[in-house]
Protein backbone atom coordinates (compact mmCIF):
# COMPACT_ATOMS: atom_id res chain seq x y z
CA MET A 1 -10.54 7.25 -13.07
CA LYS A 2 -7.33 7.19 -11.05
CA ALA A 3 -5.98 5.14 -8.16
CA LEU A 4 -4.36 6.62 -5.07
CA VAL A 5 -1.91 4.27 -3.32
CA LEU A 6 -0.64 5.18 0.13
CA SER A 7 2.85 3.85 0.88
CA GLY A 8 3.84 5.87 3.95
CA GLY A 9 3.40 4.85 7.56
CA SER A 10 6.04 3.76 10.03
CA GLY A 11 4.82 0.20 10.69
CA THR A 12 5.28 0.41 14.45
CA ARG A 13 3.51 -2.92 15.04
CA LEU A 14 6.11 -4.66 12.88
CA ARG A 15 9.22 -3.35 14.59
CA PRO A 16 12.08 -4.17 14.58
CA LEU A 17 11.53 -5.34 10.96
CA THR A 18 10.46 -1.83 9.96
CA HIS A 19 13.45 -0.08 11.52
CA THR A 20 15.39 -0.80 8.33
CA ARG A 21 12.68 -1.53 5.73
CA SER A 22 9.37 -0.01 4.71
CA LYS A 23 6.49 -2.20 5.86
CA HIS A 24 5.14 -2.06 2.31
CA LEU A 25 8.27 -3.82 1.03
CA ILE A 26 8.24 -6.78 3.42
CA PRO A 27 8.05 -9.81 1.12
CA LEU A 28 5.19 -12.30 0.98
CA ALA A 29 6.10 -15.39 -1.06
CA ASN A 30 9.29 -13.48 -1.93
CA ARG A 31 7.48 -10.43 -3.45
CA PRO A 32 6.98 -7.13 -1.62
CA ILE A 33 3.50 -6.45 -0.22
CA LEU A 34 3.19 -3.31 -2.35
CA HIS A 35 3.86 -5.32 -5.52
CA HIS A 36 0.92 -7.59 -4.68
CA VAL A 37 -1.27 -4.49 -4.22
CA LEU A 38 -0.20 -3.11 -7.60
CA ASP A 39 -0.99 -6.48 -9.19
CA LYS A 40 -4.65 -6.00 -8.23
CA ILE A 41 -4.75 -2.41 -9.43
CA GLY A 42 -3.21 -3.46 -12.74
CA GLU A 43 -5.75 -6.27 -13.10
CA SER A 44 -8.59 -3.76 -12.64
CA GLY A 45 -7.55 -1.89 -15.79
CA LEU A 46 -6.72 1.41 -14.06
CA LYS A 47 -3.73 3.05 -15.75
CA ASP A 48 -3.02 6.24 -13.76
CA VAL A 49 -1.81 5.78 -10.19
CA VAL A 50 -0.77 8.46 -7.72
CA VAL A 51 1.61 7.07 -5.10
CA VAL A 52 1.87 8.92 -1.79
CA LEU A 53 5.36 8.59 -0.33
CA GLY A 54 6.42 8.89 3.29
CA ALA A 55 9.75 8.76 5.08
CA ASN A 56 10.84 5.69 3.06
CA GLY A 57 9.88 7.28 -0.25
CA LYS A 58 13.19 6.69 -2.01
CA GLU A 59 13.08 2.99 -1.12
CA ILE A 60 9.53 2.72 -2.46
CA GLN A 61 10.41 4.46 -5.73
CA GLU A 62 13.43 2.22 -6.29
CA SER A 63 11.26 -0.86 -5.77
CA ILE A 64 8.32 -0.04 -8.04
CA GLY A 65 9.96 2.26 -10.59
CA ASP A 66 7.83 3.90 -13.24
CA GLY A 67 5.02 1.32 -13.15
CA SER A 68 5.92 -0.38 -16.44
CA GLU A 69 5.96 -3.79 -14.71
CA TRP A 70 2.19 -3.45 -14.25
CA GLY A 71 1.37 -1.39 -17.33
CA ILE A 72 0.61 1.57 -15.06
CA ASN A 73 1.71 5.22 -15.15
CA PHE A 74 2.94 6.43 -11.76
CA SER A 75 2.89 9.94 -10.35
CA TYR A 76 4.57 10.52 -7.00
CA VAL A 77 3.72 12.97 -4.23
CA GLU A 78 5.39 13.31 -0.83
CA GLN A 79 3.44 13.47 2.41
CA LYS A 80 6.05 15.17 4.55
CA GLN A 81 4.37 14.33 7.87
CA PRO A 82 2.13 11.34 8.71
CA LEU A 83 -0.96 13.40 9.54
CA GLY A 84 -3.63 10.89 8.58
CA LEU A 85 -5.25 9.24 5.57
CA ALA A 86 -7.42 12.26 4.79
CA HIS A 87 -4.31 14.44 4.90
CA ALA A 88 -2.71 12.08 2.34
CA VAL A 89 -5.71 12.65 0.04
CA LYS A 90 -5.37 16.40 0.57
CA THR A 91 -1.68 16.20 -0.32
CA ALA A 92 -2.47 14.34 -3.55
CA ARG A 93 -5.39 16.54 -4.59
CA PRO A 94 -3.43 18.54 -7.22
CA LEU A 95 -2.77 15.27 -9.06
CA LEU A 96 -6.20 13.74 -8.49
CA LYS A 97 -7.95 16.91 -9.69
CA ASP A 98 -11.76 16.83 -9.80
CA GLU A 99 -12.05 13.21 -10.83
CA PRO A 100 -13.31 10.09 -9.02
CA PHE A 101 -10.63 7.80 -7.63
CA VAL A 102 -10.04 4.63 -5.63
CA MET A 103 -7.78 4.86 -2.58
CA PHE A 104 -5.86 1.72 -1.72
CA LEU A 105 -3.71 1.43 1.40
CA GLY A 106 -0.43 -0.06 0.23
CA ASP A 107 -0.23 -2.72 2.95
CA ASN A 108 -3.68 -4.24 2.36
CA ILE A 109 -3.98 -7.58 0.60
CA LEU A 110 -7.31 -8.21 -1.14
CA PRO A 111 -6.84 -11.46 -3.11
CA GLU A 112 -10.09 -11.15 -5.09
CA GLY A 113 -9.10 -7.71 -6.32
CA ILE A 114 -11.19 -4.58 -6.79
CA LEU A 115 -12.70 -5.02 -10.27
CA PRO A 116 -16.28 -5.96 -9.20
CA TYR A 117 -16.40 -3.02 -6.79
CA LEU A 118 -14.93 -0.65 -9.36
CA ARG A 119 -17.66 -1.63 -11.82
CA TYR A 120 -20.32 -1.14 -9.14
CA PHE A 121 -19.00 2.32 -8.23
CA GLU A 122 -18.89 3.39 -11.86
CA SER A 123 -22.41 2.16 -12.58
CA GLU A 124 -24.16 3.30 -9.37
CA THR A 125 -22.13 6.53 -8.87
CA PRO A 126 -22.45 6.94 -5.10
CA ASP A 127 -20.53 9.77 -3.46
CA ALA A 128 -18.38 7.13 -1.79
CA LEU A 129 -18.17 3.34 -1.65
CA VAL A 130 -16.41 1.65 1.27
CA LEU A 131 -15.40 -2.00 1.47
CA LEU A 132 -16.00 -3.84 4.74
CA HIS A 133 -14.94 -7.10 6.35
CA PRO A 134 -16.05 -8.66 9.68
CA VAL A 135 -13.34 -8.60 12.37
CA ASN A 136 -12.99 -10.07 15.85
CA ASN A 137 -11.52 -6.88 17.40
CA PRO A 138 -13.56 -3.99 15.98
CA SER A 139 -12.15 -1.48 18.48
CA ALA A 140 -8.88 -1.59 16.53
CA TYR A 141 -10.42 -0.44 13.22
CA GLY A 142 -12.61 2.14 11.58
CA ILE A 143 -16.11 0.64 11.92
CA ALA A 144 -19.27 1.10 9.83
CA LEU A 145 -22.91 0.80 10.80
CA ILE A 146 -24.90 -0.05 7.67
CA LYS A 147 -28.48 -0.72 6.58
CA ASP A 148 -29.42 -2.08 3.15
CA HIS A 149 -25.86 -1.43 1.90
CA LYS A 150 -26.14 2.23 2.95
CA VAL A 151 -23.72 3.59 5.54
CA GLN A 152 -25.50 5.05 8.57
CA GLN A 153 -22.45 5.91 10.68
CA LEU A 154 -18.65 5.62 10.67
CA LEU A 155 -16.46 5.60 13.76
CA GLU A 156 -12.65 5.46 14.06
CA LYS A 157 -11.52 2.80 16.58
CA PRO A 158 -14.60 3.15 18.84
CA GLN A 159 -14.52 1.89 22.43
CA SER A 160 -18.09 0.60 22.01
CA PRO A 161 -18.31 -0.52 18.36
CA PRO A 162 -21.81 -0.46 16.81
CA SER A 163 -20.87 -3.39 14.53
CA ASN A 164 -17.97 -5.69 13.69
CA LEU A 165 -17.66 -4.46 10.08
CA ALA A 166 -14.25 -2.89 9.58
CA LEU A 167 -13.16 -0.56 6.81
CA ILE A 168 -10.54 -2.57 4.99
CA GLY A 169 -8.47 0.22 3.47
CA VAL A 170 -9.99 0.33 -0.03
CA TYR A 171 -12.26 3.31 -0.72
CA PHE A 172 -13.94 4.68 -3.86
CA PHE A 173 -14.54 8.44 -3.84
CA SER A 174 -16.23 11.09 -5.92
CA PRO A 175 -14.57 14.54 -5.95
CA LYS A 176 -16.95 15.59 -3.13
CA ILE A 177 -14.57 13.97 -0.63
CA HIS A 178 -12.18 16.92 -1.04
CA GLN A 179 -14.73 19.42 0.32
CA ALA A 180 -15.47 17.07 3.20
CA ILE A 181 -11.77 16.88 4.07
CA ASP A 182 -11.59 20.69 4.05
CA ARG A 183 -14.39 20.81 6.64
CA ILE A 184 -13.03 18.33 9.22
CA LYS A 185 -10.63 19.00 12.09
CA PRO A 186 -7.76 16.84 13.35
CA SER A 187 -8.78 14.01 15.65
CA PRO A 188 -7.54 13.73 19.27
CA ARG A 189 -4.48 11.89 17.94
CA GLY A 190 -3.68 14.87 15.69
CA GLU A 191 -4.61 13.31 12.35
CA LEU A 192 -7.16 14.06 9.65
CA GLU A 193 -9.16 10.84 9.71
CA ILE A 194 -10.69 9.55 6.48
CA THR A 195 -13.57 8.14 8.55
CA ASP A 196 -14.34 11.68 9.79
CA ALA A 197 -14.33 12.95 6.20
CA ILE A 198 -16.73 10.23 5.04
CA GLN A 199 -18.95 10.86 8.07
CA ASP A 200 -18.99 14.57 7.22
CA LEU A 201 -19.95 13.75 3.64
CA LEU A 202 -22.78 11.58 5.00
CA GLU A 203 -24.02 14.36 7.27
CA GLN A 204 -24.05 16.76 4.30
CA GLY A 205 -26.53 14.48 2.54
CA GLY A 206 -24.03 12.42 0.57
CA ARG A 207 -24.82 8.87 -0.52
CA ILE A 208 -22.31 6.51 1.07
CA GLU A 209 -22.63 2.86 0.12
CA ALA A 210 -20.88 -0.23 1.41
CA GLN A 211 -19.99 -3.67 0.12
CA THR A 212 -18.97 -6.48 2.45
CA ILE A 213 -16.28 -8.62 0.85
CA GLN A 214 -16.77 -12.36 1.13
CA GLY A 215 -13.21 -13.53 0.50
CA PRO A 216 -10.07 -13.16 2.61
CA TRP A 217 -8.46 -9.84 3.49
CA PHE A 218 -5.15 -9.10 5.22
CA ASP A 219 -4.02 -5.70 6.48
CA THR A 220 -0.51 -7.13 7.16
CA GLY A 221 -0.06 -4.87 10.17
CA THR A 222 1.12 -7.60 12.54
CA PRO A 223 3.51 -10.56 12.27
CA GLU A 224 0.57 -12.95 12.48
CA ASP A 225 -1.11 -11.19 9.53
CA LEU A 226 2.10 -11.46 7.51
CA LEU A 227 2.37 -15.20 8.12
CA ASP A 228 -1.30 -15.75 7.24
CA ALA A 229 -0.97 -13.76 4.00
CA ASN A 230 2.26 -15.56 3.12
CA GLN A 231 0.44 -18.87 3.58
CA MET A 232 -2.38 -17.73 1.30
CA PHE A 233 0.06 -16.85 -1.50
CA LEU A 234 1.99 -20.10 -1.10
CA ASP A 235 -1.25 -22.06 -1.38
CA HIS A 236 -1.30 -20.87 -5.02
CA LEU A 237 2.38 -21.59 -5.67
CA ILE A 238 3.25 -23.01 -9.07
CA PRO A 239 6.09 -25.55 -8.64
CA ILE A 240 9.10 -25.68 -10.94
CA ASN A 241 11.11 -28.63 -12.27
CA LEU A 242 13.39 -29.88 -9.48
CA ASN A 243 15.01 -32.76 -11.35
CA GLU A 244 18.50 -31.40 -10.72
CA ILE A 245 18.17 -31.54 -6.92
CA ASN A 246 20.72 -33.72 -5.16
CA PRO A 247 19.31 -37.30 -5.03
CA SER A 248 19.89 -37.36 -1.25
CA THR A 249 17.15 -34.72 -0.87
CA THR A 250 13.45 -35.50 -0.54
CA ILE A 251 10.91 -33.13 -2.13
CA ASN A 252 7.18 -33.35 -1.39
CA GLY A 253 4.50 -30.91 -2.47
CA PRO A 254 4.88 -27.73 -4.57
CA VAL A 255 8.33 -26.16 -4.31
CA THR A 256 9.87 -23.27 -6.25
CA LEU A 257 13.64 -23.03 -6.32
CA GLY A 258 15.63 -19.95 -7.36
CA GLU A 259 18.63 -19.96 -9.67
CA GLY A 260 21.95 -21.02 -8.14
CA SER A 261 20.44 -22.54 -4.99
CA ILE A 262 21.89 -25.78 -3.60
CA ILE A 263 19.97 -28.36 -1.55
CA GLU A 264 21.82 -31.37 -0.12
CA ASP A 265 20.78 -34.16 2.27
CA SER A 266 17.58 -32.32 3.16
CA CYS A 267 13.81 -32.68 3.21
CA ILE A 268 11.55 -30.02 1.66
CA VAL A 269 7.79 -30.26 2.18
CA GLY A 270 5.82 -27.72 0.18
CA PRO A 271 4.36 -25.35 -0.44
CA VAL A 272 7.77 -23.71 -0.13
CA ILE A 273 9.48 -20.94 -2.10
CA ILE A 274 13.28 -20.69 -2.06
CA GLY A 275 15.13 -17.71 -3.49
CA SER A 276 18.31 -17.64 -5.53
CA ASN A 277 21.80 -18.66 -4.34
CA CYS A 278 20.57 -20.35 -1.15
CA ARG A 279 22.39 -23.22 0.58
CA ILE A 280 20.26 -25.79 2.39
CA ILE A 281 22.38 -28.53 3.95
CA ARG A 282 21.08 -31.42 6.13
CA SER A 283 17.95 -29.47 6.96
CA TYR A 284 14.18 -29.58 6.94
CA VAL A 285 12.05 -26.87 5.32
CA GLY A 286 8.38 -27.36 6.08
CA PRO A 287 5.12 -26.09 4.57
CA TYR A 288 4.38 -22.38 4.16
CA THR A 289 7.98 -21.24 4.35
CA ALA A 290 9.47 -18.50 2.16
CA LEU A 291 13.26 -18.26 2.05
CA GLY A 292 14.71 -15.12 0.46
CA ASN A 293 17.94 -14.92 -1.55
CA LYS A 294 21.31 -16.10 -0.23
CA VAL A 295 19.84 -17.84 2.80
CA HIS A 296 22.12 -20.41 4.47
CA LEU A 297 20.31 -23.18 6.33
CA GLU A 298 22.39 -25.95 7.86
CA ASP A 299 21.48 -28.73 10.31
CA SER A 300 18.25 -26.89 11.07
CA GLY A 301 14.47 -27.06 10.71
CA VAL A 302 12.16 -24.25 9.58
CA GLU A 303 8.39 -24.28 9.08
CA ARG A 304 5.66 -21.69 8.35
CA SER A 305 8.13 -18.82 8.42
CA ILE A 306 9.34 -15.85 6.39
CA ILE A 307 13.14 -15.70 6.16
CA LEU A 308 14.50 -12.60 4.45
CA ASP A 309 17.66 -12.32 2.35
CA GLN A 310 21.11 -13.36 3.58
CA CYS A 311 19.95 -14.99 6.82
CA GLN A 312 22.03 -17.75 8.37
CA ILE A 313 20.37 -20.47 10.46
CA ILE A 314 22.90 -22.96 11.79
CA LYS A 315 22.07 -25.87 14.11
CA VAL A 316 18.67 -24.54 15.10
CA PRO A 317 16.53 -27.70 15.30
CA ARG A 318 13.09 -26.07 15.42
CA LEU A 319 12.03 -22.65 14.11
CA ILE A 320 8.33 -22.21 13.43
CA GLN A 321 5.95 -19.28 12.79
CA SER A 322 8.88 -16.88 12.66
CA ILE A 323 9.98 -13.85 10.67
CA LEU A 324 13.70 -13.12 10.37
CA GLY A 325 14.86 -9.76 9.01
CA THR A 326 17.64 -9.38 6.45
CA SER A 327 21.06 -10.78 7.49
CA THR A 328 19.83 -12.25 10.78
CA GLN A 329 22.09 -14.99 12.16
CA LEU A 330 20.79 -17.77 14.40
CA ARG A 331 23.29 -20.28 15.70
CA GLU A 332 23.33 -22.95 18.37
CA ILE A 333 24.95 -21.81 21.61
CA GLU A 334 26.93 -24.72 22.98
CA ARG A 335 27.85 -23.04 26.28
CA LEU A 336 26.10 -20.04 27.81
CA PRO A 337 28.11 -17.11 29.20
CA THR A 338 28.43 -17.08 32.98
CA GLY A 339 25.34 -15.69 34.70
CA LEU A 340 23.04 -15.85 31.65
CA LYS A 341 19.75 -17.66 32.24
CA VAL A 342 17.48 -18.99 29.51
CA GLN A 343 13.80 -19.69 30.23
CA SER A 344 13.19 -21.96 27.25
CA ALA A 345 15.21 -23.60 24.49
CA ASP A 346 12.15 -23.77 22.21
CA HIS A 347 12.99 -21.66 19.11
CA THR A 348 9.47 -20.58 18.15
CA LYS A 349 7.63 -17.42 17.12
CA MET A 350 10.54 -15.07 16.61
CA TRP A 351 10.23 -11.59 15.08
CA LEU A 352 13.79 -10.39 14.46
């Protein structure tokens, strides 16, 4: 059995972060989202993975390489246009062949992994198995109506949802899905929808089963999702020995510090992860913060934030629930230019 990992998509809800970086490579606890996904696939024991690349394909390939980090063999295929999830399956069909496979969207975080569902699929052999999770805004997702773990209907982003059970982006398929994809037409938004293909398979008499996951799930499509997922990973942070920290610095809670980083006259309250070659001077770093490499923090305070590589934060007293892209600079403005009005001096919730 193979795995199909989709790593395309433009990440419009995460702009401007995704103007210069694939959404799948945004770091959570200083590791790219896609790496966390591959961790779970590796843990499941699957060895052959087909990776569908989009516009940022070269960046993805450079990041994950040949799969040796996870003990996985990668095959790559390019989806030249973003024409839907079912189109991605169609593009990868020559590599998938007539074998069952699991499709995993490369920006979905499923902390409990896929092993129990993989075992269920292999033992029960349905034509498809979909994983579901309750959501508060079902109109924004593909939604399933189920009875006794059997799927009765699937709808893509319905205006009047029949349930609040969303498809989470992990699907197990038999080879019959390929014939279903051949039968469907593009949706009004011009894409081949995987929900339409599964619905077609259902209407042709296929057995579509569903499992509702009980643990957390993050689709990491919004800044809020990224911060929540980052917090979840930091809750499991393993601290390192910080005996060499400057004695003028206070450390509380689990903290991981990268090589070459300097902390002076500061207070760090974990869980916090700090990358390599950072400089933290007379500052406060609060819980659930991830600082990338070469971050310079001086006379500032940061909490529950994701700060990417080479950012500079100087004399910013309060930055919370924020995501700063690579090389962002935030500095105190002592005197505003003539004619410029500022509504609030509260430095909170920034997506840069």
